[in-house]
C-alpha cells in the first residue's frame, strides 16, 4: 500500500513511517521544511513538500495514495488561542484528506486523545468530549468517522496523554520540559490523578494495523499503561534530573493545566481483543529512566 502520511517526523510519526516501511508499505510524507524532507528521505520515504495549511497539496497527496495517516498537529501550546488555532488547522486538513477519499473505500487513520470518564477507565465505546480546549478536535474526528457512510474506511486511534520514546514525548515530556525550565519537578494537585501511556513504537504498530484492517467508522485505544499516578511520573523525573518534587498550580502548564489535573485512566481491552494488538515496549515509568542519559 502506498500511504500518504502527515506529521511523519514527530515522536509518533517517525515511528509510524518506520513501521509502515518495515511491513512492506511505501510512504509519501508531507514535509514543510528542508529538515523534515531530509529526515523522511533518510528513513526511506518519498516526500511531498507543503504544510498542513496547504490544502491543495494535501488533496493531491491523498488522491494519489492507497491510504492516508493524518498525524500532523501544531506545536504551539503556549496559550488557549494558539491551541485553538492548531485545532482549527488540523480540522481543515482532516476534512480535506477525508473528502479526497470519498467513494473509494480507501482507509484513512487519524488520532485523537482518550476521553476522561469519572470513576473508571475510559473505553473505546466512550465518546470524546464536546466541551473544553480540544472540543474542536472531537468534532473533526467525528466528521471523519462519519465519512464511513460515503465509502471511506475511516478510523481513529485514540492516544493516551503520554506517547513516549526514550523518556520524551507527551504530557510526561511536557512535565520534564517544565522541570528543566523551573528547577522543580512539579505536578498539579496531589498527584494521585492517573494518566494512561504508550510507547511510540507500540502506538505505531496499532496505527498500521488500523490502516490495514480496521472497519470503517471505528475508534481504538493505543493504551499500554492504563494509568500512572502523576506524582509517580514527577518522582522519576525529579530523581533523574536531581530536582525536588512539588505540587505546583495548574496554571503552570498553560492551557493544558485543567487536563493535567484530571484523573483519566483508559483501557485498551477491546482493541487488544479485536485487532490483536499487543504492546511490547517499555512502560512509561521504565522509559523515563532514560531522562538525563544523553
Foldseek 3Di string as FASTA:
>chain_A
DEEEEEPLPDQQNVLLQLVQVVVPYAYEYEDADPVRCVSQVVSPHHYQYDDLQPLVSLLVSLLPGLEYEYEDFDDDQQALVVLLVRLVSSLVSLVSNLVSCFPPLGEYEYEAAFAFDPPDAGEQPDQHDCDASNNSNSVSLQVSLVSVVRNYQYEYEHFWQFADDLQAGGPLNVLLVLCVVPLESEAADPQQAWTFYAYSNLVSVLRVLSNVDNGGSGYAYSTDGQTDRRQLSSVLSCVLVVGHYYYDHLCSSHRCSVVRPHRHGHDGVVVCVPSVRDGDDDDNSVSNNSPPVD
